[in-house]
């Protein structure tokens, strides 16, 4: 969430009103160029063009395709999960919306009961709520995470809205609204679900679980798993953590917040724009992105369709971003990265102190990456010290060697080394919950 600040240009008075509008104007002004580039790509890529398979033809096609992809708009990606292998048996999957507000949709990836029976599964498996980060990218960034958990669990995911698409009449959405939403979605899942918080959601998820535990809520989580989360950002500070400490709160207000222009439904809403964060994402690893696009061009010229398709799949997700509301972004900076209210025991939600020490029967697992340059080692582990009344058997800490931030929840090492540990931890917490989480038989259909 803080990345844009690392490379943001110095704003001048009035920029908060103009930058977003200028960004949109530049996009629409370049429309004729994009049409021309796409026409050139289609011409040189057509099998009816006898020159398409020449060296010049392939080079012209590759150049046009590269420019077309760099300059186009990247909308919300599709989940694209219609089946999963369960013990080697294909099981159909259907995304179903089970709860919503203007700010989020709760999606249940429902697996076909008949296919599950064919795979030897006869009872409903533990429910896992994956709380996706609201920090710039869409929830589909966790596609690989969802696919892994679908092998053994009923999976629910928070699919957050793009703030520019939420009308002003729907009101504000801040850090405390986020906490409330997490609590409501946990209740909507039913039973005592297991909750997985990936990166940014760690502090508000822990706050929601603490309040539910103190209230004796029957739907309080059976376990919490935090993956690369800034529970205590004071520990092993990274470049983004240091920036938050060095810059005053008013600096973030002036530099990071802009106004949504027409014709978006959320016009006039103050937001932290996705395109500002995307610019900073690219700047942090500019040479690597330039090299990736150079290889993409060469793959197209060589006719290496598989490598080119992998490039497109990655950047279709990476370049698709969303806006955050001003109040949510700024409160997160202040609460999590400047004042450290949760680990210091000073977070108050709707007039109530948030007390993680009230948790006594919720398992706690933390997962960190050895090379994480976003949430340093120790920031996530800090959750254990905040819950001293949880039995030792329900605590687990794991540091994955040789992975960075994204490797904590995606990729080969996540699938082969991290997920099996989380699955075993959930099973242990299920056994501890006992009758309170007794799994029912699979429905008929």
Protein backbone atom coordinates (compact mmCIF):
# COMPACT_ATOMS: atom_id res chain seq x y z
CA UNK A 1 0.00 0.00 0.00
CA UNK A 2 2.90 2.35 0.63
CA UNK A 3 4.82 1.56 -2.56
CA UNK A 4 3.61 4.56 -4.52
CA UNK A 5 5.13 6.90 -1.99
CA UNK A 6 8.60 5.57 -2.78
CA UNK A 7 8.50 6.96 -6.32
CA UNK A 8 5.70 9.52 -6.35
CA UNK A 9 6.45 12.84 -8.02
CA UNK A 10 6.08 15.93 -5.86
CA UNK A 11 2.51 17.13 -6.13
CA UNK A 12 1.57 20.76 -6.62
CA UNK A 13 -1.56 22.45 -5.29
CA UNK A 14 -4.55 21.34 -7.33
CA UNK A 15 -2.93 18.07 -8.49
CA UNK A 16 -5.37 16.11 -6.35
CA UNK A 17 -8.15 17.48 -8.59
CA UNK A 18 -6.34 17.14 -11.92
CA UNK A 19 -4.05 14.12 -11.99
CA UNK A 20 -6.78 11.49 -12.28
CA UNK A 21 -8.59 13.54 -14.95
CA UNK A 22 -5.37 14.05 -16.89
CA UNK A 23 -4.63 10.34 -16.69
CA UNK A 24 -8.04 9.58 -18.19
CA UNK A 25 -7.69 12.29 -20.85
CA UNK A 26 -4.32 10.89 -21.95
CA UNK A 27 -5.80 7.41 -22.28
CA UNK A 28 -8.70 8.55 -24.44
CA UNK A 29 -6.52 10.88 -26.50
CA UNK A 30 -4.36 7.92 -27.47
CA UNK A 31 -7.35 5.89 -28.70
CA UNK A 32 -6.58 6.39 -32.43
CA UNK A 33 -3.04 5.18 -31.87
CA UNK A 34 -4.29 2.07 -30.05
CA UNK A 35 -6.73 1.28 -32.88
CA UNK A 36 -3.94 1.63 -35.42
CA UNK A 37 -1.63 -0.63 -33.43
CA UNK A 38 -4.31 -3.29 -33.03
CA UNK A 39 -5.08 -3.13 -36.74
CA UNK A 40 -1.38 -3.62 -37.51
CA UNK A 41 -1.23 -6.57 -35.11
CA UNK A 42 -4.26 -8.19 -36.72
CA UNK A 43 -2.87 -7.62 -40.22
CA UNK A 44 0.57 -9.07 -39.53
CA UNK A 45 -0.83 -11.89 -37.41
CA UNK A 46 -3.45 -13.01 -39.92
CA UNK A 47 -2.90 -16.48 -41.42
CA UNK A 48 -4.27 -15.03 -44.68
CA UNK A 49 -1.29 -12.66 -44.92
CA UNK A 50 1.43 -14.44 -46.96
CA UNK A 51 4.11 -12.27 -45.34
CA UNK A 52 3.00 -13.06 -41.77
CA UNK A 53 5.45 -15.92 -41.37
CA UNK A 54 8.49 -14.01 -42.62
CA UNK A 55 11.09 -12.56 -40.26
CA UNK A 56 9.88 -9.02 -41.00
CA UNK A 57 6.23 -10.02 -40.61
CA UNK A 58 6.82 -11.69 -37.25
CA UNK A 59 8.84 -8.69 -36.03
CA UNK A 60 6.12 -6.24 -37.04
CA UNK A 61 3.47 -8.41 -35.41
CA UNK A 62 5.53 -8.71 -32.21
CA UNK A 63 6.11 -4.95 -32.01
CA UNK A 64 2.43 -4.14 -32.59
CA UNK A 65 1.29 -6.75 -30.06
CA UNK A 66 3.73 -5.45 -27.44
CA UNK A 67 2.55 -1.84 -27.85
CA UNK A 68 -1.11 -2.91 -27.86
CA UNK A 69 -0.71 -4.77 -24.57
CA UNK A 70 1.28 -1.99 -22.90
CA UNK A 71 -1.27 0.69 -23.76
CA UNK A 72 -4.58 -1.14 -23.24
CA UNK A 73 -6.77 -1.05 -20.13
CA UNK A 74 -6.62 -4.05 -17.81
CA UNK A 75 -10.00 -4.76 -16.24
CA UNK A 76 -10.87 -7.03 -13.34
CA UNK A 77 -9.50 -10.50 -14.28
CA UNK A 78 -11.76 -13.52 -14.33
CA UNK A 79 -11.17 -16.17 -11.71
CA UNK A 80 -11.08 -18.88 -14.35
CA UNK A 81 -11.50 -21.68 -11.80
CA UNK A 82 -14.03 -24.17 -13.13
CA UNK A 83 -12.52 -27.38 -11.80
CA UNK A 84 -9.94 -28.71 -9.36
CA UNK A 85 -8.23 -32.07 -8.92
CA UNK A 86 -9.17 -33.82 -5.66
CA UNK A 87 -7.07 -36.94 -5.17
CA UNK A 88 -6.64 -37.11 -8.93
CA UNK A 89 -10.37 -36.77 -9.69
CA UNK A 90 -11.63 -33.68 -11.55
CA UNK A 91 -14.21 -31.83 -9.45
CA UNK A 92 -16.34 -29.10 -11.00
CA UNK A 93 -16.23 -25.71 -9.24
CA UNK A 94 -18.80 -22.93 -9.43
CA UNK A 95 -18.29 -19.44 -7.90
CA UNK A 96 -21.39 -18.40 -5.92
CA UNK A 97 -21.93 -15.02 -4.28
CA UNK A 98 -23.15 -15.62 -0.72
CA UNK A 99 -22.89 -12.14 0.83
CA UNK A 100 -22.24 -8.65 -0.42
CA UNK A 101 -22.08 -4.96 0.37
CA UNK A 102 -21.17 -2.08 -1.94
CA UNK A 103 -17.55 -2.72 -0.95
CA UNK A 104 -17.10 -6.47 -1.31
CA UNK A 105 -18.58 -9.70 -2.59
CA UNK A 106 -18.07 -12.89 -0.60
CA UNK A 107 -17.53 -15.68 -3.13
CA UNK A 108 -17.96 -19.36 -2.30
CA UNK A 109 -16.15 -21.65 -4.72
CA UNK A 110 -18.72 -24.45 -4.48
CA UNK A 111 -17.45 -27.88 -5.48
CA UNK A 112 -19.81 -30.37 -7.09
CA UNK A 113 -20.93 -32.91 -4.41
CA UNK A 114 -21.27 -35.72 -6.97
CA UNK A 115 -17.70 -35.23 -8.15
CA UNK A 116 -16.50 -35.11 -4.54
CA UNK A 117 -18.15 -38.46 -3.85
CA UNK A 118 -16.39 -39.91 -6.87
CA UNK A 119 -13.15 -38.64 -5.31
CA UNK A 120 -13.96 -40.49 -2.09
CA UNK A 121 -15.06 -37.46 -0.06
CA UNK A 122 -18.36 -37.99 1.77
CA UNK A 123 -18.62 -35.10 4.23
CA UNK A 124 -18.39 -31.32 4.02
CA UNK A 125 -14.77 -30.36 4.57
CA UNK A 126 -13.52 -27.49 6.78
CA UNK A 127 -14.55 -24.05 5.58
CA UNK A 128 -11.72 -21.60 4.89
CA UNK A 129 -12.31 -17.88 4.45
CA UNK A 130 -9.45 -16.33 2.48
CA UNK A 131 -9.34 -12.59 3.19
CA UNK A 132 -7.70 -11.07 0.14
CA UNK A 133 -5.61 -7.92 0.51
CA UNK A 134 -7.18 -4.58 -0.26
CA UNK A 135 -3.95 -2.96 -1.33
CA UNK A 136 -4.07 -2.30 -5.05
CA UNK A 137 -4.58 -5.61 -6.84
CA UNK A 138 -7.78 -7.57 -7.29
CA UNK A 139 -8.53 -10.68 -5.23
CA UNK A 140 -7.78 -12.80 -8.32
CA UNK A 141 -4.11 -12.35 -7.42
CA UNK A 142 -4.84 -15.23 -5.01
CA UNK A 143 -6.03 -17.59 -7.75
CA UNK A 144 -3.27 -20.08 -6.95
CA UNK A 145 -4.04 -19.87 -3.24
CA UNK A 146 -7.69 -20.66 -3.88
CA UNK A 147 -6.87 -23.57 -6.14
CA UNK A 148 -4.61 -25.13 -3.50
CA UNK A 149 -7.19 -24.90 -0.71
CA UNK A 150 -9.98 -26.23 -2.93
CA UNK A 151 -8.33 -29.64 -2.83
CA UNK A 152 -9.37 -30.13 0.80
CA UNK A 153 -11.71 -27.34 1.90
CA UNK A 154 -14.85 -25.35 1.25
CA UNK A 155 -13.28 -22.08 0.12
CA UNK A 156 -14.67 -18.55 0.48
CA UNK A 157 -12.88 -15.43 -0.78
CA UNK A 158 -13.38 -11.70 -0.25
CA UNK A 159 -13.60 -9.98 -3.63
CA UNK A 160 -13.14 -6.28 -2.86
CA UNK A 161 -14.71 -3.50 -4.95
CA UNK A 162 -12.86 -0.83 -6.90
CA UNK A 163 -13.54 2.42 -5.01
CA UNK A 164 -13.95 4.38 -8.25
CA UNK A 165 -16.98 2.21 -9.05
CA UNK A 166 -18.80 2.82 -5.74
CA UNK A 167 -21.14 5.87 -5.87
CA UNK A 168 -20.73 8.56 -3.24
CA UNK A 169 -24.26 7.78 -2.02
CA UNK A 170 -22.93 4.48 -0.64
CA UNK A 171 -20.90 6.42 1.90
CA UNK A 172 -17.41 5.92 3.27
CA UNK A 173 -15.31 2.80 3.77
CA UNK A 174 -12.54 3.01 6.34
CA UNK A 175 -10.34 0.74 8.45
CA UNK A 176 -13.10 0.16 10.98
CA UNK A 177 -15.63 -0.64 8.27
CA UNK A 178 -13.14 -3.23 7.06
CA UNK A 179 -13.12 -4.83 10.53
CA UNK A 180 -16.92 -4.90 10.57
CA UNK A 181 -17.05 -6.43 7.11
CA UNK A 182 -14.63 -9.19 8.09
CA UNK A 183 -16.79 -10.07 11.11
CA UNK A 184 -19.96 -10.14 8.99
CA UNK A 185 -18.36 -12.37 6.37
CA UNK A 186 -17.07 -14.80 8.99
CA UNK A 187 -20.65 -15.10 10.28
CA UNK A 188 -21.97 -15.52 6.74
CA UNK A 189 -19.70 -18.54 6.19
CA UNK A 190 -21.26 -20.23 9.22
CA UNK A 191 -19.96 -22.62 11.86
CA UNK A 192 -16.48 -21.75 13.07
CA UNK A 193 -14.53 -21.24 9.84
CA UNK A 194 -10.78 -21.07 9.45
CA UNK A 195 -9.57 -17.63 8.31
CA UNK A 196 -6.53 -16.99 6.14
CA UNK A 197 -5.32 -13.36 6.02
CA UNK A 198 -2.90 -12.62 3.19
CA UNK A 199 -0.65 -9.59 3.82
CA UNK A 200 -2.60 -6.35 4.45
CA UNK A 201 -5.70 -7.90 6.15
CA UNK A 202 -3.68 -9.25 9.08
CA UNK A 203 -4.33 -6.42 11.59
CA UNK A 204 -8.05 -5.90 10.85
CA UNK A 205 -8.69 -9.66 10.75
CA UNK A 206 -7.00 -10.09 14.12
CA UNK A 207 -9.07 -7.17 15.44
CA UNK A 208 -12.32 -8.73 14.20
CA UNK A 209 -11.44 -12.12 15.71
CA UNK A 210 -10.50 -10.49 19.02
CA UNK A 211 -13.86 -8.75 19.28
CA UNK A 212 -15.73 -11.93 18.35
CA UNK A 213 -13.79 -13.93 20.94
CA UNK A 214 -14.46 -11.38 23.67
CA UNK A 215 -18.18 -11.52 22.82
CA UNK A 216 -18.22 -15.33 22.84
CA UNK A 217 -19.53 -15.20 19.28
CA UNK A 218 -20.45 -18.76 18.18
CA UNK A 219 -19.09 -17.97 14.71
CA UNK A 220 -15.65 -16.88 15.92
CA UNK A 221 -12.89 -18.47 13.80
CA UNK A 222 -11.54 -21.89 14.66
CA UNK A 223 -8.12 -20.74 13.48
CA UNK A 224 -6.30 -17.75 12.05
CA UNK A 225 -3.44 -18.04 9.57
CA UNK A 226 -1.50 -14.86 8.80
CA UNK A 227 0.72 -14.88 5.71
CA UNK A 228 3.26 -12.07 5.31
CA UNK A 229 1.12 -9.69 7.39
CA UNK A 230 2.30 -6.48 9.10
CA UNK A 231 0.94 -7.35 12.55
CA UNK A 232 3.77 -5.33 14.11
CA UNK A 233 5.47 -3.22 11.45
CA UNK A 234 8.11 -2.02 13.92
CA UNK A 235 9.99 -5.30 13.58
CA UNK A 236 12.55 -5.88 10.79
CA UNK A 237 11.44 -2.70 9.00
CA UNK A 238 11.55 -2.71 5.21
CA UNK A 239 11.92 0.29 2.90
CA UNK A 240 8.18 0.91 2.93
CA UNK A 241 8.05 0.71 6.74
CA UNK A 242 10.87 3.23 7.06
CA UNK A 243 9.17 5.58 4.64
CA UNK A 244 5.99 5.52 6.73
CA UNK A 245 8.01 6.45 9.80
CA UNK A 246 9.95 9.24 8.11
CA UNK A 247 7.07 10.98 6.32
CA UNK A 248 4.42 12.85 8.32
CA UNK A 249 0.80 11.81 7.97
CA UNK A 250 -0.01 15.05 6.12
CA UNK A 251 2.53 14.11 3.44
CA UNK A 252 0.50 11.03 2.54
CA UNK A 253 -2.64 13.16 2.44
CA UNK A 254 -1.08 15.60 -0.01
CA UNK A 255 0.84 13.18 -2.21
CA UNK A 256 -1.28 10.04 -2.47
CA UNK A 257 -4.91 11.14 -2.65
CA UNK A 258 -6.71 12.16 -5.86
CA UNK A 259 -10.28 12.72 -7.06
CA UNK A 260 -12.17 10.24 -9.25
CA UNK A 261 -13.36 12.04 -12.41
CA UNK A 262 -16.51 11.40 -14.48
CA UNK A 263 -17.84 9.12 -15.91
CA UNK A 264 -16.99 6.61 -13.17
CA UNK A 265 -19.86 5.83 -10.74
CA UNK A 266 -17.65 6.97 -7.85
CA UNK A 267 -16.85 10.35 -9.38
CA UNK A 268 -15.75 12.98 -6.85
CA UNK A 269 -14.71 10.30 -4.37
CA UNK A 270 -11.25 10.83 -2.89
CA UNK A 271 -9.09 7.77 -3.52
CA UNK A 272 -5.61 6.34 -3.55
CA UNK A 273 -5.61 5.42 -7.29
CA UNK A 274 -4.55 2.05 -8.53
CA UNK A 275 -2.59 3.59 -11.39
CA UNK A 276 -0.45 5.55 -8.91
CA UNK A 277 0.41 2.35 -7.09
CA UNK A 278 1.00 0.50 -10.37
CA UNK A 279 3.50 3.16 -11.43
CA UNK A 280 5.42 2.56 -8.24
CA UNK A 281 5.22 -1.22 -8.61
CA UNK A 282 6.86 -0.89 -12.01
CA UNK A 283 9.49 1.61 -10.84
CA UNK A 284 10.65 -0.63 -8.00
CA UNK A 285 11.69 -3.34 -10.48
CA UNK A 286 11.87 -1.38 -13.72
CA UNK A 287 14.81 -3.25 -15.24
CA UNK A 288 13.17 -6.62 -14.58
CA UNK A 289 9.94 -5.51 -16.27
CA UNK A 290 11.86 -4.12 -19.25
CA UNK A 291 13.72 -7.41 -19.60
CA UNK A 292 10.46 -9.39 -19.36
CA UNK A 293 8.93 -7.37 -22.19
CA UNK A 294 12.08 -7.72 -24.31
CA UNK A 295 11.90 -11.50 -23.90
CA UNK A 296 8.20 -11.38 -24.77
CA UNK A 297 9.01 -9.60 -28.03
CA UNK A 298 11.68 -12.17 -28.85
CA UNK A 299 9.35 -15.07 -28.03
CA UNK A 300 6.74 -13.69 -30.42
CA UNK A 301 9.34 -13.30 -33.17
CA UNK A 302 10.52 -16.89 -32.61
CA UNK A 303 6.95 -18.17 -32.48
CA UNK A 304 7.32 -19.43 -28.89
CA UNK A 305 3.62 -19.26 -28.06
CA UNK A 306 3.88 -20.99 -24.68
CA UNK A 307 6.38 -18.51 -23.23
CA UNK A 308 4.46 -15.57 -24.67
CA UNK A 309 1.22 -16.85 -23.12
CA UNK A 310 2.84 -17.15 -19.68
CA UNK A 311 3.98 -13.53 -19.99
CA UNK A 312 0.48 -12.39 -20.92
CA UNK A 313 -1.11 -14.33 -18.04
CA UNK A 314 1.24 -12.73 -15.52
CA UNK A 315 0.81 -9.17 -16.76
CA UNK A 316 -2.96 -9.49 -17.22
CA UNK A 317 -3.06 -9.91 -13.44
CA UNK A 318 -0.17 -7.64 -12.48
CA UNK A 319 -1.39 -4.63 -14.48
CA UNK A 320 -4.97 -4.90 -13.23
CA UNK A 321 -5.37 -2.63 -10.21
CA UNK A 322 -8.09 -0.96 -8.18
CA UNK A 323 -8.51 2.27 -6.22
CA UNK A 324 -8.73 2.46 -2.41
CA UNK A 325 -10.84 4.99 -0.54
CA UNK A 326 -8.95 7.89 0.97
CA UNK A 327 -10.11 7.09 4.49
CA UNK A 328 -9.16 3.40 4.34
CA UNK A 329 -5.72 4.08 2.90
CA UNK A 330 -4.82 6.90 5.28
CA UNK A 331 -6.15 5.14 8.37
CA UNK A 332 -4.17 2.02 7.46
CA UNK A 333 -1.00 4.09 7.11
CA UNK A 334 -1.62 5.72 10.47
CA UNK A 335 -2.91 2.74 12.48
CA UNK A 336 -0.65 0.00 11.10
CA UNK A 337 2.51 1.72 9.87
CA UNK A 338 2.89 4.85 11.98
CA UNK A 339 1.22 4.39 15.38
CA UNK A 340 1.30 0.56 15.61
CA UNK A 341 -1.92 0.66 17.63
CA UNK A 342 -2.74 -3.06 17.54
CA UNK A 343 0.57 -4.47 18.86
CA UNK A 344 0.79 -1.65 21.41
CA UNK A 345 -2.66 -2.52 22.75
CA UNK A 346 -4.05 0.91 21.84
CA UNK A 347 -6.45 0.08 18.98
CA UNK A 348 -10.04 1.10 19.71
CA UNK A 349 -12.89 0.00 17.45
CA UNK A 350 -16.25 1.77 17.70
CA UNK A 351 -15.39 2.81 21.26
CA UNK A 352 -14.22 -0.70 22.28
CA UNK A 353 -10.61 -1.59 23.03
CA UNK A 354 -9.38 -4.41 20.81
CA UNK A 355 -7.87 -7.13 23.03
CA UNK A 356 -6.22 -10.05 21.19
CA UNK A 357 -5.45 -11.50 24.65
CA UNK A 358 -9.19 -12.27 24.91
CA UNK A 359 -8.64 -15.10 22.39
CA UNK A 360 -8.39 -18.48 24.13
CA UNK A 361 -9.59 -21.13 21.65
CA UNK A 362 -8.60 -19.87 18.21
CA UNK A 363 -5.54 -21.46 16.64
CA UNK A 364 -2.87 -19.11 15.36
CA UNK A 365 -0.43 -19.83 12.54
CA UNK A 366 2.02 -17.38 11.01
CA UNK A 367 3.84 -17.83 7.70
CA UNK A 368 6.71 -15.61 6.54
CA UNK A 369 9.11 -15.62 3.62
CA UNK A 370 12.86 -15.59 4.17
CA UNK A 371 13.33 -12.94 1.46
CA UNK A 372 10.19 -10.90 2.03
CA UNK A 373 10.99 -7.24 1.33
CA UNK A 374 7.46 -6.02 2.12
CA UNK A 375 6.70 -7.55 5.53
CA UNK A 376 10.02 -8.28 7.23
CA UNK A 377 10.57 -11.43 9.28
CA UNK A 378 9.08 -10.97 12.73
CA UNK A 379 6.24 -8.66 11.70
CA UNK A 380 3.84 -11.58 11.26
CA UNK A 381 5.30 -13.71 14.05
CA UNK A 382 4.36 -10.91 16.45
CA UNK A 383 0.77 -12.21 16.44
CA UNK A 384 1.75 -15.09 18.76
CA UNK A 385 2.81 -12.81 21.60
CA UNK A 386 -0.50 -10.95 21.40
CA UNK A 387 -2.48 -14.13 22.18
CA UNK A 388 -0.82 -15.61 25.29
CA UNK A 389 -3.95 -17.48 26.44
CA UNK A 390 -4.12 -19.70 23.35
CA UNK A 391 -2.80 -23.22 24.18
CA UNK A 392 0.69 -23.96 22.92
CA UNK A 393 -0.67 -26.78 20.75
CA UNK A 394 -2.65 -24.23 18.75
CA UNK A 395 0.37 -22.02 17.95
CA UNK A 396 2.48 -22.61 14.84
CA UNK A 397 5.13 -20.42 13.21
CA UNK A 398 6.79 -21.17 9.89
CA UNK A 399 9.40 -19.29 7.84
CA UNK A 400 9.65 -20.49 4.24
CA UNK A 401 13.22 -20.46 2.89
CA UNK A 402 14.07 -18.86 -0.45
CA UNK A 403 10.79 -17.04 -1.12
CA UNK A 404 9.82 -13.39 -1.17
CA UNK A 405 6.48 -11.83 -0.36
CA UNK A 406 4.41 -13.34 -3.18
CA UNK A 407 6.00 -16.75 -2.73
CA UNK A 408 4.35 -16.96 0.70
CA UNK A 409 0.92 -17.47 -0.89
CA UNK A 410 1.56 -18.44 -4.51
CA UNK A 411 3.85 -20.55 -6.63
CA UNK A 412 5.54 -23.94 -6.41
CA UNK A 413 6.95 -23.62 -2.91
CA UNK A 414 3.57 -22.47 -1.61
CA UNK A 415 1.87 -25.50 -3.17
CA UNK A 416 4.48 -28.04 -2.15
CA UNK A 417 5.79 -26.75 1.20
CA UNK A 418 3.54 -24.09 2.73
CA UNK A 419 0.05 -25.32 1.89
CA UNK A 420 0.57 -28.84 3.34
CA UNK A 421 1.63 -27.25 6.65
CA UNK A 422 -1.41 -24.94 6.72
CA UNK A 423 -3.68 -27.89 5.87
CA UNK A 424 -2.25 -29.94 8.74
CA UNK A 425 -2.64 -26.99 11.11
CA UNK A 426 -6.29 -26.58 10.13
CA UNK A 427 -6.89 -30.29 10.73
CA UNK A 428 -5.34 -29.95 14.19
CA UNK A 429 -7.58 -27.00 15.02
CA UNK A 430 -10.62 -28.88 13.70
CA UNK A 431 -9.88 -31.70 16.12
CA UNK A 432 -9.54 -29.20 18.97
CA UNK A 433 -12.87 -27.54 18.07
CA UNK A 434 -14.54 -30.97 18.28
CA UNK A 435 -18.34 -31.09 18.11
CA UNK A 436 -18.55 -27.34 17.55
CA UNK A 437 -17.16 -27.90 14.04
CA UNK A 438 -18.61 -31.30 13.26
CA UNK A 439 -18.74 -31.73 9.48
CA UNK A 440 -22.06 -32.62 7.92
CA UNK A 441 -22.62 -35.13 5.08
CA UNK A 442 -22.33 -33.76 1.56
CA UNK A 443 -25.64 -32.52 0.12
CA UNK A 444 -27.31 -34.53 -2.61
CA UNK A 445 -26.45 -31.96 -5.31
